[in-house]
PDB file of N, CA and C in Angstrom:
ATOM      1  N   UNK A   1     130.772  81.877  32.291  1.00  0.00           N
ATOM      2  CA  UNK A   1     130.834  83.397  32.957  1.00  0.00           C
ATOM      3  C   UNK A   1     130.754  84.683  33.079  1.00  0.00           C
ATOM      4  N   UNK A   2     130.525  85.112  34.847  1.00  0.00           N
ATOM      5  CA  UNK A   2     130.143  85.774  35.183  1.00  0.00           C
ATOM      6  C   UNK A   2     130.217  86.730  35.716  1.00  0.00           C
ATOM      7  N   UNK A   3     129.257  88.148  35.539  1.00  0.00           N
ATOM      8  CA  UNK A   3     129.988  89.305  34.765  1.00  0.00           C
ATOM      9  C   UNK A   3     129.458  90.011  35.890  1.00  0.00           C
ATOM     10  N   UNK A   4     129.953  91.201  36.329  1.00  0.00           N
ATOM     11  CA  UNK A   4     130.671  91.767  37.305  1.00  0.00           C
ATOM     12  C   UNK A   4     130.104  92.840  36.981  1.00  0.00           C
ATOM     13  N   UNK A   5     129.238  94.074  37.842  1.00  0.00           N
ATOM     14  CA  UNK A   5     129.531  95.140  37.710  1.00  0.00           C
ATOM     15  C   UNK A   5     130.530  96.304  38.410  1.00  0.00           C
ATOM     16  N   UNK A   6     130.903  97.168  38.540  1.00  0.00           N
ATOM     17  CA  UNK A   6     131.229  98.488  39.092  1.00  0.00           C
ATOM     18  C   UNK A   6     131.485  98.337  40.134  1.00  0.00           C
ATOM     19  N   UNK A   7     130.475  97.729  40.556  1.00  0.00           N
ATOM     20  CA  UNK A   7     130.448  98.203  42.609  1.00  0.00           C
ATOM     21  C   UNK A   7     130.406  97.329  43.498  1.00  0.00           C
ATOM     22  N   UNK A   8     130.324  95.853  42.561  1.00  0.00           N
ATOM     23  CA  UNK A   8     130.412  94.699  43.300  1.00  0.00           C
ATOM     24  C   UNK A   8     130.442  94.290  44.525  1.00  0.00           C
ATOM     25  N   UNK A   9     128.989  94.521  44.333  1.00  0.00           N
ATOM     26  CA  UNK A   9     128.302  94.401  45.647  1.00  0.00           C
ATOM     27  C   UNK A   9     127.887  92.665  45.689  1.00  0.00           C
ATOM     28  N   UNK A  10     127.215  92.140  46.377  1.00  0.00           N
ATOM     29  CA  UNK A  10     126.212  91.309  47.109  1.00  0.00           C
ATOM     30  C   UNK A  10     125.377  91.085  47.184  1.00  0.00           C
ATOM     31  N   UNK A  11     124.326  90.223  46.757  1.00  0.00           N
ATOM     32  CA  UNK A  11     123.093  89.886  47.208  1.00  0.00           C
ATOM     33  C   UNK A  11     123.068  90.356  48.616  1.00  0.00           C
ATOM     34  N   UNK A  12     123.819  90.021  49.416  1.00  0.00           N
ATOM     35  CA  UNK A  12     123.483  90.133  51.400  1.00  0.00           C
ATOM     36  C   UNK A  12     123.494  91.995  51.107  1.00  0.00           C
ATOM     37  N   UNK A  13     124.021  92.326  50.951  1.00  0.00           N
ATOM     38  CA  UNK A  13     124.836  94.150  51.078  1.00  0.00           C
ATOM     39  C   UNK A  13     123.330  94.361  49.910  1.00  0.00           C
ATOM     40  N   UNK A  14     122.823  93.939  49.461  1.00  0.00           N
ATOM     41  CA  UNK A  14     121.471  94.660  48.786  1.00  0.00           C
ATOM     42  C   UNK A  14     121.181  94.613  49.418  1.00  0.00           C
ATOM     43  N   UNK A  15     120.795  93.412  49.976  1.00  0.00           N
ATOM     44  CA  UNK A  15     119.310  93.215  51.176  1.00  0.00           C
ATOM     45  C   UNK A  15     119.507  94.201  52.920  1.00  0.00           C
ATOM     46  N   UNK A  16     120.842  93.838  52.846  1.00  0.00           N
ATOM     47  CA  UNK A  16     120.726  94.851  54.254  1.00  0.00           C
ATOM     48  C   UNK A  16     120.527  96.633  53.814  1.00  0.00           C
ATOM     49  N   UNK A  17     121.083  97.205  52.026  1.00  0.00           N
ATOM     50  CA  UNK A  17     121.007  98.211  52.384  1.00  0.00           C
ATOM     51  C   UNK A  17     119.662  98.668  52.580  1.00  0.00           C
ATOM     52  N   UNK A  18     118.511  97.521  51.502  1.00  0.00           N
ATOM     53  CA  UNK A  18     117.313  97.458  51.483  1.00  0.00           C
ATOM     54  C   UNK A  18     116.389  97.456  52.831  1.00  0.00           C
ATOM     55  N   UNK A  19     116.643  96.920  53.592  1.00  0.00           N
ATOM     56  CA  UNK A  19     116.052  96.928  55.291  1.00  0.00           C
ATOM     57  C   UNK A  19     116.527  97.911  55.890  1.00  0.00           C
ATOM     58  N   UNK A  20     117.704  98.496  56.048  1.00  0.00           N
ATOM     59  CA  UNK A  20     117.764 100.048  55.809  1.00  0.00           C
ATOM     60  C   UNK A  20     116.706 100.866  55.489  1.00  0.00           C
ATOM     61  N   UNK A  21     116.515 101.267  54.610  1.00  0.00           N
ATOM     62  CA  UNK A  21     116.204 101.777  53.494  1.00  0.00           C
ATOM     63  C   UNK A  21     114.482 101.971  54.090  1.00  0.00           C
ATOM     64  N   UNK A  22     114.353 100.743  54.631  1.00  0.00           N
ATOM     65  CA  UNK A  22     112.746 100.489  54.833  1.00  0.00           C
ATOM     66  C   UNK A  22     112.755 100.581  56.531  1.00  0.00           C
ATOM     67  N   UNK A  23     113.315 100.620  57.290  1.00  0.00           N
ATOM     68  CA  UNK A  23     113.645 101.514  59.002  1.00  0.00           C
ATOM     69  C   UNK A  23     113.310 102.437  58.610  1.00  0.00           C
ATOM     70  N   UNK A  24     114.489 103.073  57.951  1.00  0.00           N
ATOM     71  CA  UNK A  24     114.725 104.296  58.133  1.00  0.00           C
ATOM     72  C   UNK A  24     113.020 105.338  57.804  1.00  0.00           C
ATOM     73  N   UNK A  25     112.330 104.497  56.683  1.00  0.00           N
ATOM     74  CA  UNK A  25     111.507 105.153  56.308  1.00  0.00           C
ATOM     75  C   UNK A  25     110.163 105.279  57.773  1.00  0.00           C
ATOM     76  N   UNK A  26     109.312 106.293  57.380  1.00  0.00           N
ATOM     77  CA  UNK A  26     107.952 106.364  58.282  1.00  0.00           C
ATOM     78  C   UNK A  26     106.658 105.479  57.133  1.00  0.00           C
ATOM     79  N   UNK A  27     107.241 104.971  55.748  1.00  0.00           N
ATOM     80  CA  UNK A  27     105.678 103.814  55.176  1.00  0.00           C
ATOM     81  C   UNK A  27     106.338 103.421  54.402  1.00  0.00           C
ATOM     82  N   UNK A  28     106.732 102.508  54.217  1.00  0.00           N
ATOM     83  CA  UNK A  28     106.971 100.980  53.863  1.00  0.00           C
ATOM     84  C   UNK A  28     106.340 100.664  52.138  1.00  0.00           C
ATOM     85  N   UNK A  29     105.414 101.165  52.223  1.00  0.00           N
ATOM     86  CA  UNK A  29     104.544 101.735  50.363  1.00  0.00           C
ATOM     87  C   UNK A  29     106.044 102.927  49.528  1.00  0.00           C
ATOM     88  N   UNK A  30     105.909 103.839  50.687  1.00  0.00           N
ATOM     89  CA  UNK A  30     106.317 105.350  50.181  1.00  0.00           C
ATOM     90  C   UNK A  30     107.569 104.799  49.631  1.00  0.00           C
ATOM     91  N   UNK A  31     108.111 104.100  50.138  1.00  0.00           N
ATOM     92  CA  UNK A  31     109.538 104.142  49.972  1.00  0.00           C
ATOM     93  C   UNK A  31     110.026 103.385  48.619  1.00  0.00           C
ATOM     94  N   UNK A  32     109.351 101.734  48.873  1.00  0.00           N
ATOM     95  CA  UNK A  32     109.046 101.474  47.707  1.00  0.00           C
ATOM     96  C   UNK A  32     108.351 102.103  46.204  1.00  0.00           C
ATOM     97  N   UNK A  33     107.954 102.869  46.296  1.00  0.00           N
ATOM     98  CA  UNK A  33     107.906 103.901  45.400  1.00  0.00           C
ATOM     99  C   UNK A  33     108.575 104.453  44.649  1.00  0.00           C
ATOM    100  N   UNK A  34     109.148 105.004  45.745  1.00  0.00           N
ATOM    101  CA  UNK A  34     110.393 105.507  45.184  1.00  0.00           C
ATOM    102  C   UNK A  34     111.810 105.696  44.855  1.00  0.00           C
ATOM    103  N   UNK A  35     111.266 104.325  45.294  1.00  0.00           N
ATOM    104  CA  UNK A  35     112.679 103.440  44.657  1.00  0.00           C
ATOM    105  C   UNK A  35     112.059 103.103  43.495  1.00  0.00           C
ATOM    106  N   UNK A  36     111.668 102.596  43.267  1.00  0.00           N
ATOM    107  CA  UNK A  36     110.831 101.868  42.089  1.00  0.00           C
ATOM    108  C   UNK A  36     111.016 103.840  40.522  1.00  0.00           C
ATOM    109  N   UNK A  37     110.155 104.772  41.421  1.00  0.00           N
ATOM    110  CA  UNK A  37     110.607 105.900  40.221  1.00  0.00           C
ATOM    111  C   UNK A  37     111.795 106.314  39.812  1.00  0.00           C
ATOM    112  N   UNK A  38     112.232 105.864  40.368  1.00  0.00           N
ATOM    113  CA  UNK A  38     114.156 106.444  40.764  1.00  0.00           C
ATOM    114  C   UNK A  38     114.851 105.016  39.158  1.00  0.00           C
ATOM    115  N   UNK A  39     114.760 104.409  39.462  1.00  0.00           N
ATOM    116  CA  UNK A  39     114.325 103.053  39.341  1.00  0.00           C
ATOM    117  C   UNK A  39     114.198 103.591  37.381  1.00  0.00           C
ATOM    118  N   UNK A  40     112.448 103.832  37.410  1.00  0.00           N
ATOM    119  CA  UNK A  40     111.831 103.884  36.334  1.00  0.00           C
ATOM    120  C   UNK A  40     112.750 105.192  35.982  1.00  0.00           C
ATOM    121  N   UNK A  41     113.004 106.117  36.006  1.00  0.00           N
ATOM    122  CA  UNK A  41     113.869 107.290  35.431  1.00  0.00           C
ATOM    123  C   UNK A  41     114.825 106.971  35.095  1.00  0.00           C
ATOM    124  N   UNK A  42     115.371 107.054  36.151  1.00  0.00           N
ATOM    125  CA  UNK A  42     117.133 106.049  35.348  1.00  0.00           C
ATOM    126  C   UNK A  42     117.218 104.989  34.202  1.00  0.00           C
ATOM    127  N   UNK A  43     116.569 104.147  34.166  1.00  0.00           N
ATOM    128  CA  UNK A  43     116.553 103.499  32.898  1.00  0.00           C
ATOM    129  C   UNK A  43     116.504 104.583  31.459  1.00  0.00           C
ATOM    130  N   UNK A  44     115.476 105.357  32.122  1.00  0.00           N
ATOM    131  CA  UNK A  44     115.174 106.363  30.855  1.00  0.00           C
ATOM    132  C   UNK A  44     115.987 107.466  30.964  1.00  0.00           C
ATOM    133  N   UNK A  45     116.797 107.961  31.732  1.00  0.00           N
ATOM    134  CA  UNK A  45     118.185 108.899  31.101  1.00  0.00           C
ATOM    135  C   UNK A  45     119.002 107.985  30.991  1.00  0.00           C
ATOM    136  N   UNK A  46     119.480 106.704  31.371  1.00  0.00           N
ATOM    137  CA  UNK A  46     120.914 106.065  30.746  1.00  0.00           C
ATOM    138  C   UNK A  46     120.668 105.636  29.873  1.00  0.00           C
ATOM    139  N   UNK A  47     119.439 105.319  28.951  1.00  0.00           N
ATOM    140  CA  UNK A  47     119.326 104.136  27.978  1.00  0.00           C
ATOM    141  C   UNK A  47     120.226 103.644  27.082  1.00  0.00           C
ATOM    142  N   UNK A  48     121.083 105.265  26.428  1.00  0.00           N
ATOM    143  CA  UNK A  48     122.169 104.868  25.797  1.00  0.00           C
ATOM    144  C   UNK A  48     123.466 104.653  26.654  1.00  0.00           C
ATOM    145  N   UNK A  49     123.250 104.094  27.800  1.00  0.00           N
ATOM    146  CA  UNK A  49     124.421 104.821  28.890  1.00  0.00           C
ATOM    147  C   UNK A  49     125.016 103.365  28.768  1.00  0.00           C
ATOM    148  N   UNK A  50     126.146 102.864  28.090  1.00  0.00           N
ATOM    149  CA  UNK A  50     126.603 101.480  28.035  1.00  0.00           C
ATOM    150  C   UNK A  50     127.115 100.575  29.087  1.00  0.00           C
ATOM    151  N   UNK A  51     128.140 102.010  30.161  1.00  0.00           N
ATOM    152  CA  UNK A  51     128.725 101.166  31.229  1.00  0.00           C
ATOM    153  C   UNK A  51     128.235 100.777  31.615  1.00  0.00           C
ATOM    154  N   UNK A  52     127.019 100.522  32.607  1.00  0.00           N
ATOM    155  CA  UNK A  52     126.439 100.045  33.284  1.00  0.00           C
ATOM    156  C   UNK A  52     125.385  99.496  33.184  1.00  0.00           C
ATOM    157  N   UNK A  53     125.515  98.608  32.456  1.00  0.00           N
ATOM    158  CA  UNK A  53     124.655  97.484  31.677  1.00  0.00           C
ATOM    159  C   UNK A  53     124.182  96.386  32.791  1.00  0.00           C
ATOM    160  N   UNK A  54     125.043  96.838  33.438  1.00  0.00           N
ATOM    161  CA  UNK A  54     125.206  95.190  34.221  1.00  0.00           C
ATOM    162  C   UNK A  54     124.415  94.771  34.959  1.00  0.00           C
ATOM    163  N   UNK A  55     124.444  96.367  35.602  1.00  0.00           N
ATOM    164  CA  UNK A  55     123.281  96.037  36.753  1.00  0.00           C
ATOM    165  C   UNK A  55     122.345  97.030  37.219  1.00  0.00           C
ATOM    166  N   UNK A  56     121.040  96.063  37.351  1.00  0.00           N
ATOM    167  CA  UNK A  56     120.108  97.156  36.848  1.00  0.00           C
ATOM    168  C   UNK A  56     119.452  98.446  37.611  1.00  0.00           C
ATOM    169  N   UNK A  57     118.734  98.553  36.972  1.00  0.00           N
ATOM    170  CA  UNK A  57     118.484  99.723  38.052  1.00  0.00           C
ATOM    171  C   UNK A  57     117.349 100.171  39.091  1.00  0.00           C
ATOM    172  N   UNK A  58     116.496  98.923  39.459  1.00  0.00           N
ATOM    173  CA  UNK A  58     116.549  99.377  40.942  1.00  0.00           C
ATOM    174  C   UNK A  58     117.597  98.782  41.805  1.00  0.00           C
ATOM    175  N   UNK A  59     118.389  98.095  41.186  1.00  0.00           N
ATOM    176  CA  UNK A  59     119.462  97.713  42.116  1.00  0.00           C
ATOM    177  C   UNK A  59     120.442  99.179  42.637  1.00  0.00           C
ATOM    178  N   UNK A  60     121.101  99.854  41.440  1.00  0.00           N
ATOM    179  CA  UNK A  60     120.958 101.131  41.445  1.00  0.00           C
ATOM    180  C   UNK A  60     120.660 102.062  42.421  1.00  0.00           C
ATOM    181  N   UNK A  61     119.231 102.150  42.173  1.00  0.00           N
ATOM    182  CA  UNK A  61     118.869 102.663  43.215  1.00  0.00           C
ATOM    183  C   UNK A  61     118.771 102.704  44.476  1.00  0.00           C
ATOM    184  N   UNK A  62     118.415 101.711  45.443  1.00  0.00           N
ATOM    185  CA  UNK A  62     118.472 100.670  46.166  1.00  0.00           C
ATOM    186  C   UNK A  62     119.720 101.588  46.783  1.00  0.00           C
ATOM    187  N   UNK A  63     121.040 101.065  45.882  1.00  0.00           N
ATOM    188  CA  UNK A  63     122.104 102.003  46.139  1.00  0.00           C
ATOM    189  C   UNK A  63     122.284 103.302  46.782  1.00  0.00           C
ATOM    190  N   UNK A  64     121.924 103.500  45.736  1.00  0.00           N
ATOM    191  CA  UNK A  64     122.323 105.337  45.621  1.00  0.00           C
ATOM    192  C   UNK A  64     121.178 106.121  47.260  1.00  0.00           C
ATOM    193  N   UNK A  65     120.190 105.847  47.324  1.00  0.00           N
ATOM    194  CA  UNK A  65     119.318 106.039  48.316  1.00  0.00           C
ATOM    195  C   UNK A  65     119.401 105.415  49.491  1.00  0.00           C
ATOM    196  N   UNK A  66     120.197 104.399  49.495  1.00  0.00           N
ATOM    197  CA  UNK A  66     121.106 103.831  51.207  1.00  0.00           C
ATOM    198  C   UNK A  66     122.006 105.266  51.217  1.00  0.00           C
ATOM    199  N   UNK A  67     122.923 105.070  49.610  1.00  0.00           N
ATOM    200  CA  UNK A  67     124.121 105.870  50.138  1.00  0.00           C
ATOM    201  C   UNK A  67     123.604 107.098  50.851  1.00  0.00           C
ATOM    202  N   UNK A  68     122.182 107.500  50.472  1.00  0.00           N
ATOM    203  CA  UNK A  68     121.715 109.074  50.835  1.00  0.00           C
ATOM    204  C   UNK A  68     121.658 109.053  52.234  1.00  0.00           C
ATOM    205  N   UNK A  69     120.780 107.783  52.699  1.00  0.00           N
ATOM    206  CA  UNK A  69     120.569 108.130  54.007  1.00  0.00           C
ATOM    207  C   UNK A  69     121.635 107.771  54.613  1.00  0.00           C
ATOM    208  N   UNK A  70     122.816 107.506  54.641  1.00  0.00           N
ATOM    209  CA  UNK A  70     123.662 106.939  55.310  1.00  0.00           C
ATOM    210  C   UNK A  70     124.736 108.028  55.210  1.00  0.00           C
ATOM    211  N   UNK A  71     124.990 108.606  54.488  1.00  0.00           N
ATOM    212  CA  UNK A  71     125.979 109.725  54.079  1.00  0.00           C
ATOM    213  C   UNK A  71     125.046 110.686  53.071  1.00  0.00           C
ATOM    214  N   UNK A  72     124.400 111.927  54.351  1.00  0.00           N
ATOM    215  CA  UNK A  72     123.871 112.964  53.734  1.00  0.00           C
ATOM    216  C   UNK A  72     124.398 113.952  53.110  1.00  0.00           C
ATOM    217  N   UNK A  73     125.715 113.979  53.222  1.00  0.00           N
ATOM    218  CA  UNK A  73     126.439 115.038  52.639  1.00  0.00           C
ATOM    219  C   UNK A  73     126.741 115.151  51.411  1.00  0.00           C
ATOM    220  N   UNK A  74     126.447 113.906  50.450  1.00  0.00           N
ATOM    221  CA  UNK A  74     126.054 113.781  48.466  1.00  0.00           C
ATOM    222  C   UNK A  74     125.518 114.126  48.619  1.00  0.00           C
ATOM    223  N   UNK A  75     123.746 114.604  49.088  1.00  0.00           N
ATOM    224  CA  UNK A  75     122.977 114.997  48.135  1.00  0.00           C
ATOM    225  C   UNK A  75     123.451 116.951  49.041  1.00  0.00           C
ATOM    226  N   UNK A  76     124.269 116.876  49.608  1.00  0.00           N
ATOM    227  CA  UNK A  76     124.179 118.870  50.244  1.00  0.00           C
ATOM    228  C   UNK A  76     123.155 118.996  50.657  1.00  0.00           C
ATOM    229  N   UNK A  77     123.321 120.723  50.693  1.00  0.00           N
ATOM    230  CA  UNK A  77     121.863 121.838  51.461  1.00  0.00           C
ATOM    231  C   UNK A  77     121.166 121.751  50.028  1.00  0.00           C
ATOM    232  N   UNK A  78     119.510 122.537  50.161  1.00  0.00           N
ATOM    233  CA  UNK A  78     118.946 122.581  49.068  1.00  0.00           C
ATOM    234  C   UNK A  78     117.902 123.004  49.007  1.00  0.00           C
TER     235      UNK A  78
END
């Protein structure tokens, strides 16, 4: 039986989001490191969280960062 997360994203959607992130970035290496750092941070912050065990931290980071890119109102004013 295949388990699905509550995000219900497909591989093609993840690939499109990752491409959008890379295309919007001025430096491919930098955006890759940012995604990795966010995934690492989320992994340790949500270590005890059992809700999103099905979605890997890297995929969650790509989704979050692409949402921030396309919907800047999510971030708000800093």
